[in-house]
């Protein structure tokens, strides 16, 4: 396969994921695993879990960073951008259109949203079950996963996610540091450490320079770029966490009204792809297409710079036996993190009645036992949600 063909393949697959990946960042990780690990076998379960663990440490949209990372390992820097473009573009275009027609609040059918929430239940349950079998196969790692789940249920916060992953790494080092590490399971080193260091340098320079530039430059686009870059650079926990931060940035500054912001919030919940594309809606509402392009580029740029900067060093560190032992614990802790997110907000917001649960079980059975592709499950969810709305 030529390089152009490989890039085309990356784009088409990520585009399909961008059109069908409903349910938020944890659900996206389930869709990614189904496509990239099970169907395409581009990466192994362990490689995928290592990448997910890295992106849990980094601020920004974790699912987008995982997609970028897989694109990089498959097709270099261009592959990472192509993967991001395919996954993000549908959501960006839909939310830009929503910004134009935000006053028409009846354009989203509530039954469709309810059905897509149940799709997320089935997809995430399938992903967690599959990853759990591979990454928590013994009692010590099951215990690490259970402890992470319990802590996150009792103390839910983005910072606690980082704490339990670090604690899982420490437990893995204590339990498995004397075991002989596996060989040949590392991802290919698609980037050099020099590129990684340069990317991290640019990340921190922009973080410090943009507020200064904003203070001296009377420009709407500098204001937008600074606000959205800072949001993408400093938020842990994904799209649901970035939304209130964006509200503090854009509503008091007069970029959009409170009603416009809330209308977009509703639309963002109903489209596939990353919630960070809410920035596209806000930029479009503030200054049309130029504002949408500026806001979208600004909020996702930190994710690019951080994953490009961290990936070469992460893949180098994971080759050392102590780090690989720690990663065994980290990966088990990630199972607990995903289980906590599966319970709240995915399960708690989607399953309200026994009929909801029955429908979710049906879709899980189709996905897990009948091996139906995720896009078919999405169609079943949409049709089922419309049917449930009529009952």
Protein backbone atom coordinates (compact mmCIF):
# COMPACT_ATOMS: atom_id res chain seq x y z
CA UNK A 1 0.00 0.00 0.00
CA UNK A 2 1.41 3.40 -1.01
CA UNK A 3 1.65 6.31 1.42
CA UNK A 4 -1.18 8.17 -0.35
CA UNK A 5 -3.39 5.08 -0.16
CA UNK A 6 -2.58 4.73 3.53
CA UNK A 7 -3.52 8.37 4.19
CA UNK A 8 -6.74 7.91 2.23
CA UNK A 9 -7.57 4.84 4.30
CA UNK A 10 -6.91 6.75 7.53
CA UNK A 11 -9.16 9.60 6.41
CA UNK A 12 -12.07 7.41 5.29
CA UNK A 13 -12.07 5.32 8.45
CA UNK A 14 -11.80 8.34 10.74
CA UNK A 15 -14.55 10.09 8.73
CA UNK A 16 -16.87 7.14 9.27
CA UNK A 17 -16.07 7.27 12.97
CA UNK A 18 -16.73 11.00 12.95
CA UNK A 19 -20.16 10.41 11.44
CA UNK A 20 -21.19 7.61 13.81
CA UNK A 21 -19.37 8.16 17.14
CA UNK A 22 -22.06 9.46 19.45
CA UNK A 23 -22.02 9.48 23.24
CA UNK A 24 -19.01 11.48 24.38
CA UNK A 25 -15.30 10.76 24.87
CA UNK A 26 -15.56 7.40 26.64
CA UNK A 27 -17.93 6.10 23.99
CA UNK A 28 -15.50 7.35 21.33
CA UNK A 29 -12.76 5.21 22.89
CA UNK A 30 -15.09 2.25 22.51
CA UNK A 31 -15.72 3.01 18.84
CA UNK A 32 -11.97 3.47 18.28
CA UNK A 33 -11.12 0.18 19.93
CA UNK A 34 -13.74 -1.66 17.86
CA UNK A 35 -12.37 -0.18 14.63
CA UNK A 36 -8.62 0.09 15.19
CA UNK A 37 -7.97 -2.88 17.50
CA UNK A 38 -10.61 -5.48 16.61
CA UNK A 39 -11.41 -4.84 12.95
CA UNK A 40 -8.24 -3.26 11.51
CA UNK A 41 -5.68 -4.58 14.01
CA UNK A 42 -3.60 -1.45 13.53
CA UNK A 43 -2.64 -1.64 17.20
CA UNK A 44 -2.92 -4.31 19.90
CA UNK A 45 -5.10 -4.02 22.98
CA UNK A 46 -2.02 -3.29 25.09
CA UNK A 47 -0.74 -0.61 22.70
CA UNK A 48 -4.17 0.97 22.57
CA UNK A 49 -4.47 0.99 26.35
CA UNK A 50 -1.01 2.56 26.68
CA UNK A 51 -2.07 5.35 24.32
CA UNK A 52 -5.35 5.85 26.20
CA UNK A 53 -3.40 6.03 29.48
CA UNK A 54 -1.10 8.70 28.05
CA UNK A 55 -4.02 10.80 26.83
CA UNK A 56 -5.71 10.54 30.24
CA UNK A 57 -2.66 12.34 31.66
CA UNK A 58 -2.78 15.14 29.10
CA UNK A 59 -5.18 18.10 29.17
CA UNK A 60 -7.53 18.46 26.25
CA UNK A 61 -9.91 16.13 24.35
CA UNK A 62 -8.64 12.64 25.21
CA UNK A 63 -10.54 10.80 22.47
CA UNK A 64 -9.30 13.21 19.79
CA UNK A 65 -5.75 12.79 21.06
CA UNK A 66 -6.07 9.00 20.89
CA UNK A 67 -7.27 9.29 17.30
CA UNK A 68 -4.41 11.65 16.45
CA UNK A 69 -1.92 9.26 18.10
CA UNK A 70 -3.16 6.29 16.09
CA UNK A 71 -3.03 8.38 12.91
CA UNK A 72 0.57 9.38 13.71
CA UNK A 73 1.71 5.80 14.27
CA UNK A 74 0.01 4.79 11.03
CA UNK A 75 0.98 7.70 8.77
CA UNK A 76 3.30 10.13 10.60
CA UNK A 77 2.39 13.74 11.31
CA UNK A 78 0.25 13.97 8.18
CA UNK A 79 -1.56 10.80 9.22
CA UNK A 80 -2.29 12.35 12.62
CA UNK A 81 -3.77 15.45 11.01
CA UNK A 82 -5.78 13.40 8.50
CA UNK A 83 -7.16 11.25 11.32
CA UNK A 84 -8.14 14.36 13.28
CA UNK A 85 -9.73 15.98 10.21
CA UNK A 86 -11.90 12.99 9.37
CA UNK A 87 -13.09 12.47 12.95
CA UNK A 88 -13.74 16.14 13.69
CA UNK A 89 -15.04 17.62 10.43
CA UNK A 90 -18.63 16.27 10.58
CA UNK A 91 -19.19 17.70 14.06
CA UNK A 92 -17.59 21.02 13.11
CA UNK A 93 -19.84 21.46 10.06
CA UNK A 94 -22.99 20.42 11.92
CA UNK A 95 -22.36 22.84 14.77
CA UNK A 96 -21.50 25.68 12.41
CA UNK A 97 -24.88 25.07 10.75
CA UNK A 98 -26.52 24.95 14.19
CA UNK A 99 -25.04 28.37 14.98
CA UNK A 100 -26.84 29.81 11.96
CA UNK A 101 -30.16 28.21 12.88
CA UNK A 102 -29.81 28.07 16.67
CA UNK A 103 -33.15 29.79 17.21
CA UNK A 104 -34.94 26.77 15.71
CA UNK A 105 -34.84 24.66 18.85
CA UNK A 106 -37.20 22.02 17.53
CA UNK A 107 -34.86 20.70 14.84
CA UNK A 108 -33.44 17.91 17.03
CA UNK A 109 -35.80 15.03 17.72
CA UNK A 110 -35.61 14.08 21.40
CA UNK A 111 -36.14 10.40 20.63
CA UNK A 112 -33.00 10.33 18.47
CA UNK A 113 -30.92 11.75 21.32
CA UNK A 114 -32.32 9.16 23.76
CA UNK A 115 -31.56 6.34 21.33
CA UNK A 116 -27.99 7.53 20.79
CA UNK A 117 -27.43 7.66 24.55
CA UNK A 118 -28.39 3.98 24.72
CA UNK A 119 -26.02 3.23 21.85
CA UNK A 120 -23.25 4.73 23.99
CA UNK A 121 -24.19 2.34 26.83
CA UNK A 122 -23.78 -0.69 24.56
CA UNK A 123 -20.56 0.55 22.91
CA UNK A 124 -18.80 1.47 26.16
CA UNK A 125 -19.86 -1.76 27.89
CA UNK A 126 -18.44 -3.71 24.95
CA UNK A 127 -15.17 -1.76 25.02
CA UNK A 128 -14.66 -2.05 28.77
CA UNK A 129 -15.40 -5.78 28.73
CA UNK A 130 -12.95 -6.41 25.91
CA UNK A 131 -10.20 -4.27 27.40
CA UNK A 132 -10.78 -5.72 30.86
CA UNK A 133 -10.18 -9.28 29.66
CA UNK A 134 -6.85 -8.25 28.13
CA UNK A 135 -5.58 -5.70 30.65
CA UNK A 136 -6.91 -7.01 33.96
CA UNK A 137 -6.58 -10.80 33.57
CA UNK A 138 -5.46 -11.61 37.12
CA UNK A 139 -6.59 -10.84 40.66
CA UNK A 140 -4.07 -8.07 41.41
CA UNK A 141 -5.03 -6.07 38.32
CA UNK A 142 -8.74 -6.68 38.83
CA UNK A 143 -8.24 -5.31 42.34
CA UNK A 144 -6.46 -2.23 40.97
CA UNK A 145 -9.33 -1.64 38.53
CA UNK A 146 -11.93 -2.11 41.28
CA UNK A 147 -10.07 0.27 43.63
CA UNK A 148 -9.88 2.92 40.89
CA UNK A 149 -13.61 2.53 40.22
CA UNK A 150 -14.51 2.82 43.90
CA UNK A 151 -12.39 5.95 44.42
CA UNK A 152 -13.85 7.65 41.35
CA UNK A 153 -17.40 6.80 42.37
CA UNK A 154 -16.82 8.24 45.84
CA UNK A 155 -14.64 11.20 44.78
CA UNK A 156 -15.56 12.05 41.16
CA UNK A 157 -13.29 14.67 39.61
CA UNK A 158 -10.88 15.06 36.71
CA UNK A 159 -7.95 15.38 39.13
CA UNK A 160 -8.92 12.14 40.90
CA UNK A 161 -8.60 10.38 37.53
CA UNK A 162 -4.96 11.44 37.42
CA UNK A 163 -4.46 10.35 41.03
CA UNK A 164 -5.86 6.85 40.52
CA UNK A 165 -3.83 6.35 37.33
CA UNK A 166 -0.65 7.37 39.17
CA UNK A 167 -1.59 5.08 42.07
CA UNK A 168 -2.23 2.25 39.62
CA UNK A 169 1.21 2.80 38.12
CA UNK A 170 2.81 2.62 41.58
CA UNK A 171 0.91 -0.58 42.37
CA UNK A 172 1.92 -2.10 39.04
CA UNK A 173 5.58 -1.31 39.70
CA UNK A 174 5.42 -2.93 43.15
CA UNK A 175 3.62 -6.04 41.91
CA UNK A 176 5.22 -6.68 38.50
CA UNK A 177 8.68 -5.07 38.54
CA UNK A 178 10.40 -8.47 38.70
CA UNK A 179 8.46 -10.00 35.81
CA UNK A 180 10.14 -10.37 32.43
CA UNK A 181 8.65 -7.73 30.11
CA UNK A 182 7.04 -8.67 26.84
CA UNK A 183 8.92 -7.77 23.68
CA UNK A 184 7.76 -6.39 20.39
CA UNK A 185 4.53 -4.87 21.66
CA UNK A 186 5.54 -1.22 21.45
CA UNK A 187 4.08 1.14 18.91
CA UNK A 188 6.36 2.21 16.07
CA UNK A 189 8.31 5.38 16.86
CA UNK A 190 6.80 7.59 14.16
CA UNK A 191 8.25 10.81 15.62
CA UNK A 192 11.69 11.80 16.84
CA UNK A 193 12.43 13.17 20.30
CA UNK A 194 13.59 16.40 18.64
CA UNK A 195 10.15 16.93 17.09
CA UNK A 196 8.54 16.08 20.43
CA UNK A 197 10.67 18.61 22.33
CA UNK A 198 9.97 21.29 19.71
CA UNK A 199 6.23 20.67 19.94
CA UNK A 200 6.21 20.98 23.74
CA UNK A 201 8.24 24.20 23.48
CA UNK A 202 5.69 25.73 21.09
CA UNK A 203 2.86 24.66 23.43
CA UNK A 204 4.30 26.53 26.42
CA UNK A 205 5.41 29.55 24.38
CA UNK A 206 1.89 30.05 23.03
CA UNK A 207 0.38 29.57 26.48
CA UNK A 208 2.52 32.41 27.82
CA UNK A 209 2.61 34.70 24.78
CA UNK A 210 -1.05 34.78 23.73
CA UNK A 211 -2.33 36.65 26.83
CA UNK A 212 0.42 39.25 26.31
CA UNK A 213 -0.45 39.61 22.63
CA UNK A 214 -4.13 39.95 23.52
CA UNK A 215 -3.33 42.77 25.95
CA UNK A 216 -1.57 44.82 23.26
CA UNK A 217 -3.50 43.83 20.10
CA UNK A 218 -7.02 45.13 19.65
CA UNK A 219 -8.18 42.17 17.58
CA UNK A 220 -11.26 39.98 17.90
CA UNK A 221 -9.43 37.01 16.41
CA UNK A 222 -6.53 37.31 18.87
CA UNK A 223 -9.11 37.42 21.67
CA UNK A 224 -10.86 34.32 20.33
CA UNK A 225 -7.59 32.45 19.76
CA UNK A 226 -6.30 33.21 23.26
CA UNK A 227 -9.55 32.22 25.00
CA UNK A 228 -9.99 28.96 23.13
CA UNK A 229 -6.30 27.99 23.18
CA UNK A 230 -6.25 28.42 26.96
CA UNK A 231 -9.39 26.32 27.30
CA UNK A 232 -7.89 23.51 25.23
CA UNK A 233 -4.56 23.69 27.08
CA UNK A 234 -5.72 23.76 30.69
CA UNK A 235 -8.82 21.56 30.90
CA UNK A 236 -8.64 17.98 32.15
CA UNK A 237 -11.62 15.69 31.85
CA UNK A 238 -12.88 16.21 28.32
CA UNK A 239 -15.63 18.20 26.68
CA UNK A 240 -18.11 18.29 29.57
CA UNK A 241 -15.49 20.09 31.67
CA UNK A 242 -14.51 22.60 28.99
CA UNK A 243 -18.08 23.84 28.44
CA UNK A 244 -18.38 25.89 31.67
CA UNK A 245 -14.88 27.28 31.11
CA UNK A 246 -15.89 28.44 27.64
CA UNK A 247 -19.01 30.06 29.04
CA UNK A 248 -16.85 32.16 31.39
CA UNK A 249 -14.69 33.18 28.43
CA UNK A 250 -17.29 34.07 25.80
CA UNK A 251 -20.51 35.20 27.53
CA UNK A 252 -19.14 37.94 29.85
CA UNK A 253 -16.90 39.16 27.01
CA UNK A 254 -19.99 39.65 24.83
CA UNK A 255 -18.92 37.24 22.08
CA UNK A 256 -22.25 35.39 22.34
CA UNK A 257 -25.37 35.74 24.48
CA UNK A 258 -26.35 33.31 27.23
CA UNK A 259 -29.29 32.04 25.14
CA UNK A 260 -27.03 31.43 22.15
CA UNK A 261 -24.58 29.55 24.34
CA UNK A 262 -27.29 27.29 25.82
CA UNK A 263 -28.79 26.59 22.39
CA UNK A 264 -25.39 25.44 21.18
CA UNK A 265 -24.89 23.33 24.29
CA UNK A 266 -28.01 21.36 23.37
CA UNK A 267 -26.89 20.94 19.78
CA UNK A 268 -23.41 19.78 20.86
CA UNK A 269 -24.94 16.91 22.82
CA UNK A 270 -26.76 15.64 19.73
CA UNK A 271 -23.99 15.49 17.13
CA UNK A 272 -21.28 12.84 16.72
CA UNK A 273 -17.60 13.51 17.32
CA UNK A 274 -15.74 15.42 20.04
CA UNK A 275 -17.56 17.91 22.28
CA UNK A 276 -14.66 20.33 21.83
CA UNK A 277 -16.17 21.20 18.46
CA UNK A 278 -18.60 23.32 20.48
CA UNK A 279 -15.88 25.90 19.86
CA UNK A 280 -16.86 25.86 16.16
CA UNK A 281 -20.41 26.81 17.11
CA UNK A 282 -19.28 29.64 19.39
CA UNK A 283 -16.81 31.00 16.83
CA UNK A 284 -19.47 30.90 14.12
CA UNK A 285 -21.95 32.72 16.35
CA UNK A 286 -19.34 35.34 17.26
CA UNK A 287 -17.82 36.11 13.85
CA UNK A 288 -19.08 33.79 11.13
CA UNK A 289 -16.80 31.39 9.28
CA UNK A 290 -13.53 33.22 10.19
CA UNK A 291 -14.47 33.05 13.87
CA UNK A 292 -15.36 29.36 13.59
CA UNK A 293 -12.03 28.52 11.93
CA UNK A 294 -10.08 30.51 14.53
CA UNK A 295 -11.89 29.01 17.52
CA UNK A 296 -11.66 25.44 16.20
CA UNK A 297 -7.97 25.72 15.40
CA UNK A 298 -7.22 27.33 18.78
CA UNK A 299 -9.02 24.80 20.96
CA UNK A 300 -7.54 21.74 19.23
CA UNK A 301 -4.00 23.07 18.71
CA UNK A 302 -2.92 22.23 22.31
CA UNK A 303 -4.12 18.64 21.83
CA UNK A 304 -1.92 18.33 18.73
CA UNK A 305 1.13 19.90 20.35
CA UNK A 306 0.83 17.81 23.51
CA UNK A 307 0.34 14.42 21.84
CA UNK A 308 3.13 15.13 19.33
CA UNK A 309 5.36 16.26 22.19
CA UNK A 310 4.60 13.41 24.57
CA UNK A 311 4.38 10.45 22.18
CA UNK A 312 8.12 10.00 21.37
CA UNK A 313 9.12 10.12 25.04
CA UNK A 314 6.21 7.93 26.14
CA UNK A 315 7.07 5.23 23.63
CA UNK A 316 10.71 5.39 24.72
CA UNK A 317 9.92 5.17 28.44
CA UNK A 318 7.55 2.24 28.04
CA UNK A 319 10.41 0.07 26.74
CA UNK A 320 12.10 0.07 30.17
CA UNK A 321 11.14 -2.83 32.47
CA UNK A 322 10.15 -0.65 35.48
CA UNK A 323 7.97 1.55 33.28
CA UNK A 324 6.35 -1.46 31.62
CA UNK A 325 5.57 -2.90 35.06
CA UNK A 326 4.02 0.44 36.05
CA UNK A 327 2.00 0.46 32.82
CA UNK A 328 0.47 -2.89 33.74
CA UNK A 329 -0.98 -1.14 36.79
CA UNK A 330 -1.84 2.00 34.85
CA UNK A 331 -3.79 0.02 32.26
CA UNK A 332 -5.73 -1.77 34.99
CA UNK A 333 -6.53 1.59 36.59
CA UNK A 334 -7.75 2.87 33.21
CA UNK A 335 -10.32 0.06 33.22
CA UNK A 336 -11.60 1.47 36.51
CA UNK A 337 -11.66 4.99 35.03
CA UNK A 338 -13.70 3.79 32.05
CA UNK A 339 -16.08 1.85 34.32
CA UNK A 340 -16.68 4.97 36.42
CA UNK A 341 -17.40 7.01 33.29
CA UNK A 342 -19.63 4.20 32.02
CA UNK A 343 -21.73 4.46 35.16
CA UNK A 344 -21.82 8.26 35.33
CA UNK A 345 -22.65 10.02 33.08
CA UNK A 346 -23.33 7.39 30.40
CA UNK A 347 -25.52 4.82 32.19
CA UNK A 348 -27.18 7.22 34.64
CA UNK A 349 -28.28 9.65 31.93
CA UNK A 350 -29.31 7.05 29.32
CA UNK A 351 -31.08 4.28 31.25
CA UNK A 352 -34.18 5.64 32.99
CA UNK A 353 -36.66 2.78 32.57
CA UNK A 354 -36.60 -1.04 32.25
CA UNK A 355 -37.40 -0.58 28.55
CA UNK A 356 -34.26 1.54 28.14
CA UNK A 357 -32.18 -1.16 29.79
CA UNK A 358 -33.74 -3.89 27.63
CA UNK A 359 -32.94 -1.91 24.47
CA UNK A 360 -29.35 -1.31 25.60
CA UNK A 361 -28.91 -5.04 26.29
CA UNK A 362 -30.26 -5.84 22.82
CA UNK A 363 -27.71 -3.54 21.16
CA UNK A 364 -24.89 -4.89 23.33
CA UNK A 365 -25.81 -8.43 22.25
CA UNK A 366 -25.78 -7.41 18.58
CA UNK A 367 -22.39 -5.76 19.04
CA UNK A 368 -20.68 -8.32 21.25
CA UNK A 369 -22.14 -11.70 20.29
CA UNK A 370 -23.40 -11.08 16.75
CA UNK A 371 -20.35 -8.97 15.82
CA UNK A 372 -22.37 -6.25 14.12
CA UNK A 373 -20.40 -3.12 13.12
CA UNK A 374 -20.81 -0.03 15.26
CA UNK A 375 -22.49 2.01 12.51
CA UNK A 376 -25.33 -0.52 12.36
CA UNK A 377 -25.75 -0.26 16.11
CA UNK A 378 -26.05 3.53 15.68
CA UNK A 379 -28.83 3.05 13.11
CA UNK A 380 -30.62 0.61 15.41
CA UNK A 381 -30.27 3.14 18.22
CA UNK A 382 -31.75 5.99 16.16
CA UNK A 383 -34.72 3.90 14.99
CA UNK A 384 -35.23 2.43 18.44
CA UNK A 385 -35.09 5.86 20.06
CA UNK A 386 -37.77 7.16 17.72
CA UNK A 387 -39.90 4.09 18.48
CA UNK A 388 -39.44 4.46 22.24
CA UNK A 389 -40.49 8.11 21.98
CA UNK A 390 -43.83 6.97 20.56
CA UNK A 391 -44.53 4.53 23.39
